[in-house]
């Protein structure tokens, strides 16, 4: 039973896509795969009034988890697209860190490998006094940082990694999202060089932008095939403390 935390240098860099893609690849290998997200904002209100986290829905599809387990995958959902701390305040929801920790631990204990997606960046507030880094540290999982090879992201990557390390987190490496080898220029390729040089960490994958069609259709097999070609999944499993053939 191992778990891998996924964070990013900012919001909207593809944490959910990367998390789901890793879960899909693990699932297609026949590994009993778990997924978890401590809280989600910007959720969709359904006809019956309940809130659906589309992030959690995608993660469950990729991991092969029944949609009835939505509340076990993401314990807190809010409608406003704000930090969980602020969104929960507006919604009158009392986020309790211990609930997130206990539900994450239960998911991890019941699966061979669990992908735990954070919220926003590593210092995003889940409550006023409890940040994403606190959650990752409390559940004791190593993390991977999602980056994009864009202008300014070297700085964000270095700061994210150093901040995480300074708070006692084990950072395994980075995954570059939306990478295209055929169109990458000097900026893109130099970013990859400096990501590794300045953080001292390996790039564990260069995931291309997944076609919107396969994301919407939840084509787990196709997503997994792309991951197997572009991400060092065996190495990630081993770095996280597991065995590549488990």
Protein backbone atom coordinates (compact mmCIF):
# COMPACT_ATOMS: atom_id res chain seq x y z
CA UNK A 1 0.00 0.00 0.00
CA UNK A 2 1.70 3.16 -1.21
CA UNK A 3 0.50 6.64 -2.11
CA UNK A 4 1.78 9.45 -4.30
CA UNK A 5 0.80 13.09 -3.77
CA UNK A 6 0.38 15.39 -6.74
CA UNK A 7 0.83 19.13 -6.44
CA UNK A 8 1.72 21.88 -8.92
CA UNK A 9 3.43 25.23 -9.16
CA UNK A 10 0.04 26.92 -9.59
CA UNK A 11 -3.60 26.21 -10.23
CA UNK A 12 -4.77 25.17 -13.73
CA UNK A 13 -1.50 23.46 -14.65
CA UNK A 14 -3.08 20.04 -14.98
CA UNK A 15 -2.92 18.36 -11.57
CA UNK A 16 -6.21 16.58 -12.17
CA UNK A 17 -5.25 15.41 -15.65
CA UNK A 18 -1.86 14.16 -14.45
CA UNK A 19 -3.38 12.51 -11.37
CA UNK A 20 -6.07 10.83 -13.43
CA UNK A 21 -3.58 9.78 -16.10
CA UNK A 22 -1.35 8.10 -13.53
CA UNK A 23 -4.38 6.40 -11.98
CA UNK A 24 -5.49 5.18 -15.42
CA UNK A 25 -2.09 3.65 -16.16
CA UNK A 26 -1.96 1.94 -12.76
CA UNK A 27 -5.51 0.69 -13.22
CA UNK A 28 -4.78 -0.73 -16.67
CA UNK A 29 -1.80 -2.61 -15.24
CA UNK A 30 -4.23 -4.46 -13.01
CA UNK A 31 -3.15 -2.60 -9.88
CA UNK A 32 -5.89 -1.90 -7.35
CA UNK A 33 -5.82 1.88 -7.63
CA UNK A 34 -7.14 4.51 -5.26
CA UNK A 35 -7.64 8.24 -5.78
CA UNK A 36 -8.27 11.00 -3.26
CA UNK A 37 -8.66 14.77 -3.10
CA UNK A 38 -9.07 16.43 0.31
CA UNK A 39 -11.47 19.13 -0.86
CA UNK A 40 -12.82 20.54 -4.09
CA UNK A 41 -14.27 23.95 -4.93
CA UNK A 42 -15.88 25.09 -8.16
CA UNK A 43 -18.14 22.04 -8.04
CA UNK A 44 -21.25 21.57 -10.18
CA UNK A 45 -24.70 21.64 -8.60
CA UNK A 46 -26.77 18.71 -9.85
CA UNK A 47 -30.54 18.63 -10.40
CA UNK A 48 -31.03 16.98 -7.00
CA UNK A 49 -29.06 19.77 -5.30
CA UNK A 50 -25.94 17.78 -4.51
CA UNK A 51 -22.53 19.07 -5.55
CA UNK A 52 -20.37 17.06 -7.93
CA UNK A 53 -16.62 17.48 -8.14
CA UNK A 54 -15.80 16.99 -11.81
CA UNK A 55 -12.16 16.51 -10.77
CA UNK A 56 -13.09 13.63 -8.47
CA UNK A 57 -15.41 12.23 -11.14
CA UNK A 58 -12.54 12.08 -13.65
CA UNK A 59 -10.20 10.54 -11.08
CA UNK A 60 -12.74 7.82 -10.25
CA UNK A 61 -13.26 7.03 -13.92
CA UNK A 62 -9.52 6.64 -14.43
CA UNK A 63 -9.05 4.49 -11.33
CA UNK A 64 -12.09 2.31 -12.03
CA UNK A 65 -13.82 3.36 -8.80
CA UNK A 66 -17.61 3.30 -8.59
CA UNK A 67 -19.16 6.76 -8.78
CA UNK A 68 -21.12 6.03 -5.61
CA UNK A 69 -17.83 6.46 -3.74
CA UNK A 70 -17.65 10.17 -4.64
CA UNK A 71 -17.83 11.28 -1.00
CA UNK A 72 -15.07 8.85 -0.04
CA UNK A 73 -12.81 10.26 -2.73
CA UNK A 74 -13.46 13.93 -1.91
CA UNK A 75 -14.96 14.59 1.54
CA UNK A 76 -15.57 18.33 1.12
CA UNK A 77 -17.18 19.97 -1.92
CA UNK A 78 -18.02 23.65 -2.43
CA UNK A 79 -19.65 25.51 -5.28
CA UNK A 80 -17.60 28.72 -5.38
CA UNK A 81 -14.36 28.48 -7.36
CA UNK A 82 -12.19 29.80 -4.56
CA UNK A 83 -9.67 28.31 -2.17
CA UNK A 84 -11.34 25.69 0.03
CA UNK A 85 -10.79 27.92 3.05
CA UNK A 86 -12.74 30.80 1.52
CA UNK A 87 -15.28 28.70 -0.40
CA UNK A 88 -16.17 26.75 2.74
CA UNK A 89 -16.61 29.97 4.70
CA UNK A 90 -19.10 31.29 2.14
CA UNK A 91 -20.92 27.95 2.06
CA UNK A 92 -21.06 27.56 5.82
CA UNK A 93 -19.07 24.33 5.64
CA UNK A 94 -16.75 23.45 8.50
CA UNK A 95 -13.69 21.75 7.03
CA UNK A 96 -12.06 19.49 9.59
CA UNK A 97 -8.49 18.43 8.74
CA UNK A 98 -8.84 15.20 10.70
CA UNK A 99 -11.74 14.10 8.46
CA UNK A 100 -9.60 14.59 5.35
CA UNK A 101 -6.68 12.74 6.92
CA UNK A 102 -8.80 9.82 8.12
CA UNK A 103 -10.58 9.38 4.78
CA UNK A 104 -7.29 9.59 2.88
CA UNK A 105 -5.78 6.96 5.17
CA UNK A 106 -8.77 4.69 4.61
CA UNK A 107 -8.46 5.00 0.83
CA UNK A 108 -4.72 4.32 0.95
CA UNK A 109 -5.16 1.31 3.24
CA UNK A 110 -7.66 -0.29 0.88
CA UNK A 111 -5.65 0.02 -2.35
CA UNK A 112 -2.27 -1.04 -3.69
CA UNK A 113 -1.39 2.42 -5.01
CA UNK A 114 -3.31 5.64 -4.35
CA UNK A 115 -2.90 8.92 -6.19
CA UNK A 116 -3.65 11.87 -3.90
CA UNK A 117 -4.32 15.13 -5.72
CA UNK A 118 -3.79 18.36 -3.86
CA UNK A 119 -5.71 21.62 -4.25
CA UNK A 120 -4.16 24.58 -6.05
CA UNK A 121 -0.49 24.91 -5.13
CA UNK A 122 1.41 23.45 -2.20
CA UNK A 123 0.56 26.37 0.10
CA UNK A 124 -3.12 26.70 -0.84
CA UNK A 125 -5.28 27.04 2.30
CA UNK A 126 -7.64 24.19 3.06
CA UNK A 127 -8.59 26.12 6.20
CA UNK A 128 -7.16 29.35 7.57
CA UNK A 129 -4.57 27.40 9.56
CA UNK A 130 -4.15 24.21 7.51
CA UNK A 131 -2.49 24.25 4.11
CA UNK A 132 -2.05 21.61 1.43
CA UNK A 133 1.53 20.99 2.59
CA UNK A 134 0.19 20.25 6.09
CA UNK A 135 -2.22 17.68 4.67
CA UNK A 136 0.48 15.93 2.62
CA UNK A 137 2.81 15.90 5.60
CA UNK A 138 0.15 14.50 7.93
CA UNK A 139 -0.75 11.61 5.63
CA UNK A 140 2.99 11.06 5.06
CA UNK A 141 3.10 10.71 1.28
CA UNK A 142 5.89 11.66 -1.14
CA UNK A 143 4.90 14.20 -3.75
CA UNK A 144 5.43 14.98 -7.42
CA UNK A 145 5.28 18.55 -8.72
CA UNK A 146 3.42 19.22 -11.98
CA UNK A 147 4.96 21.94 -14.13
CA UNK A 148 4.55 23.32 -17.63
CA UNK A 149 7.46 24.39 -19.79
CA UNK A 150 6.35 28.01 -19.95
CA UNK A 151 7.94 31.38 -19.23
CA UNK A 152 8.34 32.02 -15.50
CA UNK A 153 7.75 28.47 -14.39
CA UNK A 154 11.38 27.76 -13.51
CA UNK A 155 11.10 30.21 -10.64
CA UNK A 156 7.78 28.73 -9.49
CA UNK A 157 9.15 25.19 -9.70
CA UNK A 158 12.24 25.97 -7.64
CA UNK A 159 10.24 27.83 -5.00
CA UNK A 160 7.62 25.06 -4.78
CA UNK A 161 10.24 22.34 -4.37
CA UNK A 162 12.26 24.29 -1.79
CA UNK A 163 9.14 25.20 0.18
CA UNK A 164 7.98 21.59 0.20
CA UNK A 165 11.39 20.31 1.29
CA UNK A 166 11.67 22.95 4.01
CA UNK A 167 8.38 21.71 5.42
CA UNK A 168 9.60 18.13 5.58
CA UNK A 169 8.00 16.74 2.42
CA UNK A 170 9.71 14.12 0.27
CA UNK A 171 9.64 15.45 -3.31
CA UNK A 172 10.23 12.65 -5.82
CA UNK A 173 10.52 14.75 -8.95
CA UNK A 174 8.57 16.66 -11.56
CA UNK A 175 6.15 15.83 -14.35
CA UNK A 176 5.95 18.24 -17.27
CA UNK A 177 2.37 18.56 -18.49
CA UNK A 178 1.41 19.45 -22.07
CA UNK A 179 4.82 18.72 -23.55
CA UNK A 180 5.24 18.52 -27.33
CA UNK A 181 8.69 17.42 -28.47
CA UNK A 182 7.97 18.47 -32.06
CA UNK A 183 7.13 22.08 -31.27
CA UNK A 184 9.36 22.68 -28.22
CA UNK A 185 11.76 25.55 -28.79
CA UNK A 186 14.64 27.02 -26.84
CA UNK A 187 12.34 28.18 -24.03
CA UNK A 188 10.73 24.79 -23.55
CA UNK A 189 13.92 22.76 -23.72
CA UNK A 190 15.89 25.13 -21.52
CA UNK A 191 13.13 24.96 -18.91
CA UNK A 192 13.57 21.19 -18.68
CA UNK A 193 17.31 21.63 -18.18
CA UNK A 194 16.88 24.17 -15.39
CA UNK A 195 14.05 22.28 -13.69
CA UNK A 196 16.48 19.44 -13.02
CA UNK A 197 19.60 21.55 -12.46
CA UNK A 198 18.07 24.00 -9.98
CA UNK A 199 15.84 21.59 -8.04
CA UNK A 200 18.22 18.64 -8.08
CA UNK A 201 15.25 16.43 -8.96
CA UNK A 202 14.50 14.27 -12.00
CA UNK A 203 11.84 14.89 -14.58
CA UNK A 204 9.72 11.77 -14.21
CA UNK A 205 7.55 12.33 -17.25
CA UNK A 206 6.74 14.60 -20.16
CA UNK A 207 3.02 14.12 -20.64
CA UNK A 208 1.53 15.54 -23.85
CA UNK A 209 -1.72 17.48 -23.74
CA UNK A 210 -4.38 14.79 -23.59
CA UNK A 211 -7.03 15.16 -26.30
CA UNK A 212 -10.23 16.64 -24.90
CA UNK A 213 -12.18 13.82 -26.50
CA UNK A 214 -10.54 11.04 -24.51
CA UNK A 215 -10.86 13.04 -21.29
CA UNK A 216 -14.58 13.68 -21.81
CA UNK A 217 -15.23 10.10 -22.85
CA UNK A 218 -13.12 8.71 -20.02
CA UNK A 219 -11.09 6.55 -22.40
CA UNK A 220 -8.99 4.94 -19.68
CA UNK A 221 -7.14 2.57 -22.01
CA UNK A 222 -6.03 5.37 -24.34
CA UNK A 223 -5.02 7.63 -21.46
CA UNK A 224 -3.02 4.79 -19.94
CA UNK A 225 -1.28 4.07 -23.26
CA UNK A 226 -0.14 7.69 -23.48
CA UNK A 227 1.21 7.58 -19.93
CA UNK A 228 3.16 4.38 -20.56
CA UNK A 229 4.94 6.11 -23.46
CA UNK A 230 5.68 9.40 -21.73
CA UNK A 231 5.99 8.85 -17.97
CA UNK A 232 8.52 6.76 -16.02
CA UNK A 233 5.78 4.96 -14.10
CA UNK A 234 8.00 2.12 -12.87
CA UNK A 235 10.47 4.63 -11.46
CA UNK A 236 7.71 6.61 -9.75
CA UNK A 237 6.37 3.47 -8.06
CA UNK A 238 9.84 2.50 -6.90
CA UNK A 239 10.67 5.99 -5.62
CA UNK A 240 7.39 5.96 -3.68
CA UNK A 241 8.43 2.75 -1.97
CA UNK A 242 6.66 0.13 -4.04
CA UNK A 243 7.66 -2.45 -6.61
CA UNK A 244 7.20 -1.77 -10.29
CA UNK A 245 5.65 -5.19 -10.93
CA UNK A 246 3.19 -5.13 -8.03
